[in-house]
Structures are given as structure tokens and as C-alpha cells.
PDB file of N, CA and C in Angstrom:
ATOM      1  N   UNK A   1      -6.837 -11.473  -2.621  1.00  0.00           N
ATOM      2  CA  UNK A   1      -5.355 -11.229  -2.605  1.00  0.00           C
ATOM      3  C   UNK A   1      -4.702 -12.393  -3.033  1.00  0.00           C
ATOM      4  N   UNK A   2      -5.145 -13.722  -2.016  1.00  0.00           N
ATOM      5  CA  UNK A   2      -4.914 -14.590  -1.951  1.00  0.00           C
ATOM      6  C   UNK A   2      -5.441 -15.459  -3.601  1.00  0.00           C
ATOM      7  N   UNK A   3      -6.357 -15.311  -3.152  1.00  0.00           N
ATOM      8  CA  UNK A   3      -7.078 -15.730  -4.805  1.00  0.00           C
ATOM      9  C   UNK A   3      -6.472 -15.236  -5.886  1.00  0.00           C
ATOM     10  N   UNK A   4      -6.576 -13.568  -6.236  1.00  0.00           N
ATOM     11  CA  UNK A   4      -5.492 -13.382  -7.440  1.00  0.00           C
ATOM     12  C   UNK A   4      -4.473 -14.217  -7.167  1.00  0.00           C
ATOM     13  N   UNK A   5      -3.700 -14.328  -6.536  1.00  0.00           N
ATOM     14  CA  UNK A   5      -2.453 -14.786  -6.510  1.00  0.00           C
ATOM     15  C   UNK A   5      -2.114 -16.316  -6.708  1.00  0.00           C
ATOM     16  N   UNK A   6      -3.456 -16.861  -6.922  1.00  0.00           N
ATOM     17  CA  UNK A   6      -3.142 -18.443  -6.780  1.00  0.00           C
ATOM     18  C   UNK A   6      -4.335 -18.652  -8.215  1.00  0.00           C
ATOM     19  N   UNK A   7      -4.537 -17.664  -9.143  1.00  0.00           N
ATOM     20  CA  UNK A   7      -5.642 -18.189 -10.171  1.00  0.00           C
ATOM     21  C   UNK A   7      -4.843 -18.495 -11.429  1.00  0.00           C
ATOM     22  N   UNK A   8      -4.327 -19.495 -11.742  1.00  0.00           N
ATOM     23  CA  UNK A   8      -4.437 -19.918 -12.855  1.00  0.00           C
ATOM     24  C   UNK A   8      -2.411 -20.774 -12.472  1.00  0.00           C
ATOM     25  N   UNK A   9      -2.172 -20.724 -11.030  1.00  0.00           N
ATOM     26  CA  UNK A   9      -1.203 -21.053 -10.601  1.00  0.00           C
ATOM     27  C   UNK A   9      -1.496 -23.597 -10.727  1.00  0.00           C
ATOM     28  N   UNK A  10      -0.491 -23.796 -10.921  1.00  0.00           N
ATOM     29  CA  UNK A  10      -1.020 -25.433 -10.708  1.00  0.00           C
ATOM     30  C   UNK A  10      -1.087 -25.947  -9.024  1.00  0.00           C
ATOM     31  N   UNK A  11      -1.689 -26.885  -8.632  1.00  0.00           N
ATOM     32  CA  UNK A  11      -1.872 -27.127  -7.682  1.00  0.00           C
ATOM     33  C   UNK A  11      -1.019 -27.331  -7.293  1.00  0.00           C
ATOM     34  N   UNK A  12       0.115 -27.761  -7.779  1.00  0.00           N
ATOM     35  CA  UNK A  12       1.433 -28.498  -7.086  1.00  0.00           C
ATOM     36  C   UNK A  12       1.681 -26.716  -6.290  1.00  0.00           C
ATOM     37  N   UNK A  13       2.112 -26.028  -6.844  1.00  0.00           N
ATOM     38  CA  UNK A  13       2.425 -24.986  -6.937  1.00  0.00           C
ATOM     39  C   UNK A  13       1.581 -24.127  -5.870  1.00  0.00           C
ATOM     40  N   UNK A  14       0.835 -24.173  -5.543  1.00  0.00           N
ATOM     41  CA  UNK A  14      -0.347 -23.397  -4.993  1.00  0.00           C
ATOM     42  C   UNK A  14       0.253 -22.785  -3.275  1.00  0.00           C
ATOM     43  N   UNK A  15       0.982 -23.765  -2.086  1.00  0.00           N
ATOM     44  CA  UNK A  15       1.862 -23.129  -1.871  1.00  0.00           C
ATOM     45  C   UNK A  15       2.925 -22.174  -1.346  1.00  0.00           C
ATOM     46  N   UNK A  16       3.751 -22.335  -2.776  1.00  0.00           N
ATOM     47  CA  UNK A  16       4.764 -21.716  -3.435  1.00  0.00           C
ATOM     48  C   UNK A  16       3.667 -20.113  -3.098  1.00  0.00           C
ATOM     49  N   UNK A  17       3.177 -19.920  -4.614  1.00  0.00           N
ATOM     50  CA  UNK A  17       2.148 -18.913  -4.729  1.00  0.00           C
ATOM     51  C   UNK A  17       1.688 -18.251  -3.181  1.00  0.00           C
ATOM     52  N   UNK A  18       0.981 -18.799  -2.483  1.00  0.00           N
ATOM     53  CA  UNK A  18       0.537 -18.084  -0.988  1.00  0.00           C
ATOM     54  C   UNK A  18       1.562 -17.510  -0.089  1.00  0.00           C
ATOM     55  N   UNK A  19       2.878 -18.517  -0.119  1.00  0.00           N
ATOM     56  CA  UNK A  19       4.094 -17.505   0.462  1.00  0.00           C
ATOM     57  C   UNK A  19       4.186 -16.975   0.148  1.00  0.00           C
ATOM     58  N   UNK A  20       4.550 -16.516  -1.609  1.00  0.00           N
ATOM     59  CA  UNK A  20       5.377 -15.266  -1.790  1.00  0.00           C
ATOM     60  C   UNK A  20       4.059 -14.027  -1.447  1.00  0.00           C
ATOM     61  N   UNK A  21       3.815 -14.455  -1.902  1.00  0.00           N
ATOM     62  CA  UNK A  21       1.754 -13.686  -1.654  1.00  0.00           C
ATOM     63  C   UNK A  21       2.389 -12.770   0.351  1.00  0.00           C
ATOM     64  N   UNK A  22       2.323 -13.529   1.001  1.00  0.00           N
ATOM     65  CA  UNK A  22       2.391 -13.294   2.576  1.00  0.00           C
ATOM     66  C   UNK A  22       3.311 -12.858   2.637  1.00  0.00           C
ATOM     67  N   UNK A  23       4.811 -13.299   2.036  1.00  0.00           N
ATOM     68  CA  UNK A  23       6.350 -12.652   2.301  1.00  0.00           C
ATOM     69  C   UNK A  23       5.936 -10.848   1.716  1.00  0.00           C
ATOM     70  N   UNK A  24       5.768 -10.621   0.978  1.00  0.00           N
ATOM     71  CA  UNK A  24       5.571  -9.776   0.522  1.00  0.00           C
ATOM     72  C   UNK A  24       4.412  -8.791   0.080  1.00  0.00           C
ATOM     73  N   UNK A  25       3.698  -8.649   1.516  1.00  0.00           N
ATOM     74  CA  UNK A  25       2.590  -8.974   1.953  1.00  0.00           C
ATOM     75  C   UNK A  25       3.383  -7.929   3.485  1.00  0.00           C
ATOM     76  N   UNK A  26       3.913  -8.770   3.989  1.00  0.00           N
ATOM     77  CA  UNK A  26       4.707  -8.167   5.508  1.00  0.00           C
ATOM     78  C   UNK A  26       5.670  -7.182   5.127  1.00  0.00           C
ATOM     79  N   UNK A  27       6.670  -7.640   3.427  1.00  0.00           N
ATOM     80  CA  UNK A  27       8.033  -6.324   3.361  1.00  0.00           C
ATOM     81  C   UNK A  27       6.801  -5.514   3.093  1.00  0.00           C
ATOM     82  N   UNK A  28       5.716  -5.636   2.562  1.00  0.00           N
ATOM     83  CA  UNK A  28       5.494  -4.215   1.890  1.00  0.00           C
ATOM     84  C   UNK A  28       4.839  -3.491   2.952  1.00  0.00           C
ATOM     85  N   UNK A  29       4.421  -4.052   4.535  1.00  0.00           N
ATOM     86  CA  UNK A  29       4.032  -3.146   5.466  1.00  0.00           C
ATOM     87  C   UNK A  29       5.222  -3.166   6.280  1.00  0.00           C
ATOM     88  N   UNK A  30       5.894  -3.603   6.488  1.00  0.00           N
ATOM     89  CA  UNK A  30       7.191  -2.705   7.008  1.00  0.00           C
ATOM     90  C   UNK A  30       8.205  -1.488   6.536  1.00  0.00           C
ATOM     91  N   UNK A  31       8.285  -1.759   4.975  1.00  0.00           N
ATOM     92  CA  UNK A  31       8.465  -0.415   4.304  1.00  0.00           C
ATOM     93  C   UNK A  31       8.065   0.783   4.212  1.00  0.00           C
ATOM     94  N   UNK A  32       6.166   0.040   3.882  1.00  0.00           N
ATOM     95  CA  UNK A  32       5.647   1.321   3.981  1.00  0.00           C
ATOM     96  C   UNK A  32       5.718   2.111   5.196  1.00  0.00           C
ATOM     97  N   UNK A  33       5.248   0.726   6.693  1.00  0.00           N
ATOM     98  CA  UNK A  33       5.503   1.706   7.822  1.00  0.00           C
ATOM     99  C   UNK A  33       6.624   2.935   8.331  1.00  0.00           C
ATOM    100  N   UNK A  34       7.953   2.060   7.778  1.00  0.00           N
ATOM    101  CA  UNK A  34       9.221   2.899   7.282  1.00  0.00           C
ATOM    102  C   UNK A  34       8.902   3.968   6.780  1.00  0.00           C
ATOM    103  N   UNK A  35       8.416   4.127   6.291  1.00  0.00           N
ATOM    104  CA  UNK A  35       8.331   5.288   5.343  1.00  0.00           C
ATOM    105  C   UNK A  35       7.774   6.430   5.632  1.00  0.00           C
ATOM    106  N   UNK A  36       6.294   5.897   5.985  1.00  0.00           N
ATOM    107  CA  UNK A  36       5.585   6.844   7.006  1.00  0.00           C
ATOM    108  C   UNK A  36       6.149   7.544   8.357  1.00  0.00           C
ATOM    109  N   UNK A  37       7.241   6.525   9.376  1.00  0.00           N
ATOM    110  CA  UNK A  37       7.264   7.182  10.136  1.00  0.00           C
ATOM    111  C   UNK A  37       8.765   8.262   9.557  1.00  0.00           C
ATOM    112  N   UNK A  38       9.599   8.235   8.819  1.00  0.00           N
ATOM    113  CA  UNK A  38      10.196   8.855   8.679  1.00  0.00           C
ATOM    114  C   UNK A  38      10.081  10.240   7.793  1.00  0.00           C
ATOM    115  N   UNK A  39       8.517  10.010   6.927  1.00  0.00           N
ATOM    116  CA  UNK A  39       7.823  11.441   6.618  1.00  0.00           C
ATOM    117  C   UNK A  39       7.642  12.581   7.884  1.00  0.00           C
ATOM    118  N   UNK A  40       7.093  11.067   9.555  1.00  0.00           N
ATOM    119  CA  UNK A  40       6.336  12.053   9.856  1.00  0.00           C
ATOM    120  C   UNK A  40       7.539  12.551  11.204  1.00  0.00           C
ATOM    121  N   UNK A  41       8.802  11.947  10.787  1.00  0.00           N
ATOM    122  CA  UNK A  41       9.476  12.948  11.603  1.00  0.00           C
ATOM    123  C   UNK A  41      11.004  13.558  10.916  1.00  0.00           C
ATOM    124  N   UNK A  42      10.339  13.388   9.603  1.00  0.00           N
ATOM    125  CA  UNK A  42      11.054  14.721   8.792  1.00  0.00           C
ATOM    126  C   UNK A  42      11.469  15.610   9.575  1.00  0.00           C
ATOM    127  N   UNK A  43      12.444  16.818   9.772  1.00  0.00           N
ATOM    128  CA  UNK A  43      12.236  18.335   9.909  1.00  0.00           C
ATOM    129  C   UNK A  43      12.156  18.030  11.653  1.00  0.00           C
ATOM    130  N   UNK A  44      12.569  17.348  12.555  1.00  0.00           N
ATOM    131  CA  UNK A  44      12.487  17.468  14.059  1.00  0.00           C
ATOM    132  C   UNK A  44      13.548  17.018  15.064  1.00  0.00           C
ATOM    133  N   UNK A  45      14.599  17.048  13.808  1.00  0.00           N
ATOM    134  CA  UNK A  45      16.265  16.933  14.661  1.00  0.00           C
ATOM    135  C   UNK A  45      16.179  18.115  14.706  1.00  0.00           C
ATOM    136  N   UNK A  46      16.643  18.330  16.327  1.00  0.00           N
ATOM    137  CA  UNK A  46      17.557  19.012  17.009  1.00  0.00           C
ATOM    138  C   UNK A  46      16.619  20.003  17.713  1.00  0.00           C
ATOM    139  N   UNK A  47      15.284  19.617  17.615  1.00  0.00           N
ATOM    140  CA  UNK A  47      13.612  20.688  17.927  1.00  0.00           C
ATOM    141  C   UNK A  47      13.331  20.367  19.386  1.00  0.00           C
ATOM    142  N   UNK A  48      12.928  20.639  20.620  1.00  0.00           N
ATOM    143  CA  UNK A  48      12.178  20.592  21.336  1.00  0.00           C
ATOM    144  C   UNK A  48      11.245  21.334  21.999  1.00  0.00           C
ATOM    145  N   UNK A  49      10.266  20.832  22.768  1.00  0.00           N
ATOM    146  CA  UNK A  49       9.648  21.713  23.269  1.00  0.00           C
ATOM    147  C   UNK A  49       8.596  21.909  22.353  1.00  0.00           C
ATOM    148  N   UNK A  50       7.704  22.981  22.434  1.00  0.00           N
ATOM    149  CA  UNK A  50       6.426  23.357  21.506  1.00  0.00           C
ATOM    150  C   UNK A  50       7.239  22.838  20.238  1.00  0.00           C
ATOM    151  N   UNK A  51       7.944  23.102  19.308  1.00  0.00           N
ATOM    152  CA  UNK A  51       8.772  23.488  18.091  1.00  0.00           C
ATOM    153  C   UNK A  51       8.599  21.615  17.543  1.00  0.00           C
ATOM    154  N   UNK A  52       9.031  20.822  18.361  1.00  0.00           N
ATOM    155  CA  UNK A  52       9.150  19.511  17.984  1.00  0.00           C
ATOM    156  C   UNK A  52       7.048  18.778  17.789  1.00  0.00           C
ATOM    157  N   UNK A  53       6.590  19.817  18.931  1.00  0.00           N
ATOM    158  CA  UNK A  53       5.236  18.907  18.701  1.00  0.00           C
ATOM    159  C   UNK A  53       4.867  20.036  17.189  1.00  0.00           C
ATOM    160  N   UNK A  54       4.772  20.913  17.143  1.00  0.00           N
ATOM    161  CA  UNK A  54       4.728  21.423  15.913  1.00  0.00           C
ATOM    162  C   UNK A  54       4.992  20.762  14.728  1.00  0.00           C
ATOM    163  N   UNK A  55       6.715  20.790  14.903  1.00  0.00           N
ATOM    164  CA  UNK A  55       7.076  20.076  13.600  1.00  0.00           C
ATOM    165  C   UNK A  55       7.102  18.279  13.445  1.00  0.00           C
ATOM    166  N   UNK A  56       6.401  17.439  14.223  1.00  0.00           N
ATOM    167  CA  UNK A  56       5.971  16.385  14.618  1.00  0.00           C
ATOM    168  C   UNK A  56       4.528  16.538  13.952  1.00  0.00           C
ATOM    169  N   UNK A  57       3.953  17.860  14.412  1.00  0.00           N
ATOM    170  CA  UNK A  57       1.990  17.661  14.061  1.00  0.00           C
ATOM    171  C   UNK A  57       2.332  17.472  12.453  1.00  0.00           C
ATOM    172  N   UNK A  58       3.072  18.498  11.864  1.00  0.00           N
ATOM    173  CA  UNK A  58       3.740  18.576  10.205  1.00  0.00           C
ATOM    174  C   UNK A  58       3.690  17.077   9.963  1.00  0.00           C
ATOM    175  N   UNK A  59       4.516  16.723  10.180  1.00  0.00           N
ATOM    176  CA  UNK A  59       5.305  15.482   9.520  1.00  0.00           C
ATOM    177  C   UNK A  59       4.057  14.732   9.558  1.00  0.00           C
ATOM    178  N   UNK A  60       3.415  14.391  10.287  1.00  0.00           N
ATOM    179  CA  UNK A  60       1.921  13.541  11.020  1.00  0.00           C
ATOM    180  C   UNK A  60       1.515  14.161   9.899  1.00  0.00           C
ATOM    181  N   UNK A  61       0.984  15.068   9.057  1.00  0.00           N
ATOM    182  CA  UNK A  61       0.037  15.585   8.220  1.00  0.00           C
ATOM    183  C   UNK A  61       0.456  15.419   7.043  1.00  0.00           C
ATOM    184  N   UNK A  62       1.705  15.501   6.271  1.00  0.00           N
ATOM    185  CA  UNK A  62       2.228  15.402   5.212  1.00  0.00           C
ATOM    186  C   UNK A  62       1.957  13.393   5.336  1.00  0.00           C
ATOM    187  N   UNK A  63       2.146  12.731   6.543  1.00  0.00           N
ATOM    188  CA  UNK A  63       2.194  10.977   5.947  1.00  0.00           C
ATOM    189  C   UNK A  63       0.788  11.068   5.890  1.00  0.00           C
ATOM    190  N   UNK A  64       0.027  11.053   6.319  1.00  0.00           N
ATOM    191  CA  UNK A  64      -1.517  11.335   6.110  1.00  0.00           C
ATOM    192  C   UNK A  64      -1.462  11.536   4.140  1.00  0.00           C
ATOM    193  N   UNK A  65      -0.982  12.769   4.281  1.00  0.00           N
ATOM    194  CA  UNK A  65      -1.447  12.929   2.565  1.00  0.00           C
ATOM    195  C   UNK A  65      -0.728  11.922   1.597  1.00  0.00           C
ATOM    196  N   UNK A  66       0.167  11.483   2.013  1.00  0.00           N
ATOM    197  CA  UNK A  66       1.358  10.239   1.383  1.00  0.00           C
ATOM    198  C   UNK A  66      -0.040   9.230   1.154  1.00  0.00           C
ATOM    199  N   UNK A  67      -0.321   8.682   2.534  1.00  0.00           N
ATOM    200  CA  UNK A  67      -1.567   7.577   2.737  1.00  0.00           C
ATOM    201  C   UNK A  67      -3.008   8.077   1.241  1.00  0.00           C
ATOM    202  N   UNK A  68      -3.153   9.312   1.623  1.00  0.00           N
ATOM    203  CA  UNK A  68      -4.524   9.306   0.708  1.00  0.00           C
ATOM    204  C   UNK A  68      -3.764   9.356  -1.116  1.00  0.00           C
ATOM    205  N   UNK A  69      -2.768  10.026  -1.182  1.00  0.00           N
ATOM    206  CA  UNK A  69      -2.608   9.805  -2.525  1.00  0.00           C
ATOM    207  C   UNK A  69      -2.110   8.157  -2.950  1.00  0.00           C
ATOM    208  N   UNK A  70      -1.329   7.783  -2.464  1.00  0.00           N
ATOM    209  CA  UNK A  70      -1.395   6.137  -2.133  1.00  0.00           C
ATOM    210  C   UNK A  70      -2.086   5.822  -2.663  1.00  0.00           C
ATOM    211  N   UNK A  71      -3.311   5.952  -1.778  1.00  0.00           N
ATOM    212  CA  UNK A  71      -4.995   5.287  -1.989  1.00  0.00           C
ATOM    213  C   UNK A  71      -5.504   5.808  -3.444  1.00  0.00           C
ATOM    214  N   UNK A  72      -5.405   6.644  -3.699  1.00  0.00           N
ATOM    215  CA  UNK A  72      -5.992   7.921  -4.716  1.00  0.00           C
ATOM    216  C   UNK A  72      -5.069   6.887  -6.152  1.00  0.00           C
ATOM    217  N   UNK A  73      -3.285   6.550  -5.944  1.00  0.00           N
ATOM    218  CA  UNK A  73      -3.149   6.005  -7.442  1.00  0.00           C
ATOM    219  C   UNK A  73      -3.459   4.877  -7.325  1.00  0.00           C
ATOM    220  N   UNK A  74      -3.341   4.447  -6.279  1.00  0.00           N
ATOM    221  CA  UNK A  74      -4.027   2.339  -6.430  1.00  0.00           C
ATOM    222  C   UNK A  74      -5.591   2.140  -6.742  1.00  0.00           C
ATOM    223  N   UNK A  75      -6.329   3.523  -6.948  1.00  0.00           N
ATOM    224  CA  UNK A  75      -7.602   3.494  -6.979  1.00  0.00           C
ATOM    225  C   UNK A  75      -8.024   3.586  -8.751  1.00  0.00           C
ATOM    226  N   UNK A  76      -6.674   4.218  -9.124  1.00  0.00           N
ATOM    227  CA  UNK A  76      -6.241   5.052 -10.311  1.00  0.00           C
ATOM    228  C   UNK A  76      -6.457   3.308 -11.475  1.00  0.00           C
ATOM    229  N   UNK A  77      -5.127   3.113 -10.285  1.00  0.00           N
ATOM    230  CA  UNK A  77      -4.396   1.664 -10.925  1.00  0.00           C
ATOM    231  C   UNK A  77      -5.877   0.355 -11.402  1.00  0.00           C
ATOM    232  N   UNK A  78      -5.858   0.631 -10.293  1.00  0.00           N
ATOM    233  CA  UNK A  78      -7.916  -0.424 -10.550  1.00  0.00           C
ATOM    234  C   UNK A  78      -8.441  -0.425 -11.079  1.00  0.00           C
ATOM    235  N   UNK A  79      -8.667   1.010 -11.366  1.00  0.00           N
ATOM    236  CA  UNK A  79      -9.612   1.398 -12.370  1.00  0.00           C
ATOM    237  C   UNK A  79      -9.226   1.057 -14.243  1.00  0.00           C
ATOM    238  N   UNK A  80      -7.960   1.087 -14.178  1.00  0.00           N
ATOM    239  CA  UNK A  80      -7.498   1.124 -14.992  1.00  0.00           C
ATOM    240  C   UNK A  80      -7.185   0.004 -15.852  1.00  0.00           C
ATOM    241  N   UNK A  81      -6.767  -1.194 -14.572  1.00  0.00           N
ATOM    242  CA  UNK A  81      -6.110  -2.534 -15.165  1.00  0.00           C
ATOM    243  C   UNK A  81      -7.321  -3.391 -15.097  1.00  0.00           C
ATOM    244  N   UNK A  82      -8.445  -3.415 -14.754  1.00  0.00           N
ATOM    245  CA  UNK A  82      -9.745  -4.180 -14.596  1.00  0.00           C
ATOM    246  C   UNK A  82     -10.111  -4.204 -15.612  1.00  0.00           C
ATOM    247  N   UNK A  83     -10.175  -5.671 -15.641  1.00  0.00           N
ATOM    248  CA  UNK A  83     -11.150  -6.348 -17.235  1.00  0.00           C
ATOM    249  C   UNK A  83     -12.222  -6.140 -17.492  1.00  0.00           C
ATOM    250  N   UNK A  84     -13.192  -5.537 -18.403  1.00  0.00           N
ATOM    251  CA  UNK A  84     -14.500  -5.673 -18.235  1.00  0.00           C
ATOM    252  C   UNK A  84     -15.076  -6.666 -18.783  1.00  0.00           C
ATOM    253  N   UNK A  85     -16.517  -6.709 -17.975  1.00  0.00           N
ATOM    254  CA  UNK A  85     -17.393  -8.036 -17.996  1.00  0.00           C
ATOM    255  C   UNK A  85     -18.143  -8.219 -19.626  1.00  0.00           C
ATOM    256  N   UNK A  86     -17.518  -9.898 -19.639  1.00  0.00           N
ATOM    257  CA  UNK A  86     -18.705 -10.193 -21.569  1.00  0.00           C
ATOM    258  C   UNK A  86     -19.889 -10.077 -20.657  1.00  0.00           C
ATOM    259  N   UNK A  87     -20.409  -8.866 -22.030  1.00  0.00           N
ATOM    260  CA  UNK A  87     -21.753  -9.679 -21.621  1.00  0.00           C
ATOM    261  C   UNK A  87     -22.843 -10.042 -23.082  1.00  0.00           C
ATOM    262  N   UNK A  88     -23.167 -11.444 -22.403  1.00  0.00           N
ATOM    263  CA  UNK A  88     -23.895 -12.435 -22.970  1.00  0.00           C
ATOM    264  C   UNK A  88     -24.550 -11.722 -24.518  1.00  0.00           C
ATOM    265  N   UNK A  89     -24.628 -12.548 -25.574  1.00  0.00           N
ATOM    266  CA  UNK A  89     -25.353 -11.838 -26.441  1.00  0.00           C
ATOM    267  C   UNK A  89     -26.266 -12.106 -26.815  1.00  0.00           C
ATOM    268  N   UNK A  90     -27.217 -11.377 -26.614  1.00  0.00           N
ATOM    269  CA  UNK A  90     -29.066 -11.679 -26.628  1.00  0.00           C
ATOM    270  C   UNK A  90     -29.290 -12.587 -27.514  1.00  0.00           C
ATOM    271  N   UNK A  91     -29.914 -13.468 -28.148  1.00  0.00           N
ATOM    272  CA  UNK A  91     -30.659 -14.238 -29.331  1.00  0.00           C
ATOM    273  C   UNK A  91     -32.323 -13.885 -29.400  1.00  0.00           C
TER     274      UNK A  91
END
């Protein structure tokens, strides 16, 4: 991640590029965790006992499916965006 962010950046701006990547990574982790907790807790308001445990388990299942969907979307984007290798011409 850091190599990709620093590629093409001048030596003088390497620190800024690294700082932006670090900050973005931290913010992304915080926002992602907040969304997953929101999904896991959806539908648990006012419940208690066994109903609360069932609703929590269903919410966690939803959060896991969201994680799996995010991984799949990331994989598809990575496969679409990557640049093909140039093959050397045989002489």
C-alpha cells in the first residue's frame, strides 16, 4: 500500500504521501468498524433475553455477509484495474 502510494511521488513529498496513506487507513478502519457495528446491532432496540441474542446473531451474520461482499467487490475492482504485463518480443 505504501509503495503504491509513493510511486511517482518526488523524494521531497514522500513523507506527505506516507502520512496521507496512514491517515486514510486509520479513518477507513474506524468508519468500517462503525458500519459493521451498526449492521450487527440493527433490530436489537428494546429486546432482551433470547430475542436479543437471536437479533444479535442475525445482525452479526449480516455484518459477515457485508464483509464478504466488500472483499468480492475489492477483488473484482483489483482484477479490472490491474495493468497487464508487457511481454518481451522474441527476436
